[in-house]
Amino acid sequence: MCYKTFRDTGSLKVHECEHTEESPCHCDVCNETFSDTSSLREHQNLHTGERPYRCDVCNKSFKILKILKGHQRVHTGERPYRCELCNKTFSNKGDVKVHQRVHTGERPYSCDVCNKTFSKKSSLKVHQRVHTGECPYSCDVCNKTFRDLSNLKGHQRAHTGERPYSCEVCNKTFRDIGNLKAHQRVHTGERPYSCDVCNKTFSNKSDLKIHLRVHTGERPYSCDVCNKTFSDKSSLKPHRRVHTGERPYLCELCNKTFINKGDLKVHQRVHTGEHPYHCGLCNKTFSQISNLKKHQRVHSVYINA
């Protein structure tokens, strides 16, 4: 033996592997085995919480050297790993492996509660919080909680006003990349989500989900004042203003206020003279679609007479 001294028994055990040539070395916390002492030392950081590897650009620290090296490519822009099917590039090898499941359809991670499957372990972990109710990420401004970190980061931009994602066609900006991708379909005309009842198509998944309630009759959002129910949350929010008296939308020309943005938009046509809805039978125009529909009944009376 060499009589070298150590701060803790874990480091001593790792060192002893060098003398005994024990192979593989094993972790005395979880019994995982390793072929070399350096791998065991790095692994033990997972148990101790130690993060000895630090990025010299942003000072972010890591438990594993390999993860630091992958992180540093965020700063250098290096993306050395390429998907052989679509040529998309990645900064680390693990991301390529996960990406390739888009092509193979592989979803190896399954929820043991509802059997829903996922291509990434991290996605399964976030999903499981639907069942447990766990919301571990909290906004330090308004204390709203979230199931995953990306949703928290998107929410925090509501407070900061930051909109880092920009449409390269019309320059409209967005708080999160998901909303940007949905918006880009306005330009491409892509509507990849289809209702399996009536075949109506939608540009984003959430609109399809709301639409399906037309068929199911589901109205999961309820007013806590009058118990009126709604099929989508966005309809409940302006309804509540009927009770609170809040009218947050102001016409800059006449200072008239409105409960929701749509009513303001319709009202502004009084000032602009815009009549975007026209009758296909007599070419009469209207500022509101509801007035067009009323008018069309005049024609239907004569047609059916």
Foldseek 3Di string as FASTA:
>chain_A
DPPDDDPDVQVVQLVVCVVVVDPFRAGPPPRDTDGHSVVSQLVCCVVVVDFPAADPPPRDTHSDPVVSQLVVCVVVVDFPAAAPPPRDTHSDDVVSVLVCCVVVVDFPAADPPPRDTHSDPVVNQLVVCVVVVDFPDADPPPRDTHSDDLVNQLVVCVVVVDFPAADPPPRDTHSDVVVVQLVVCVVVVDFPAADPPPRDTHSDDVVNQLVVCVVVVDFPAADPPPRDTHSDPVVNQLVVCVVVVDFPAADPPPRDTHSDPVVNQLVCCVVVVDFPAADPPPRDTHSDVVVVVVVVVVVVVVVVD
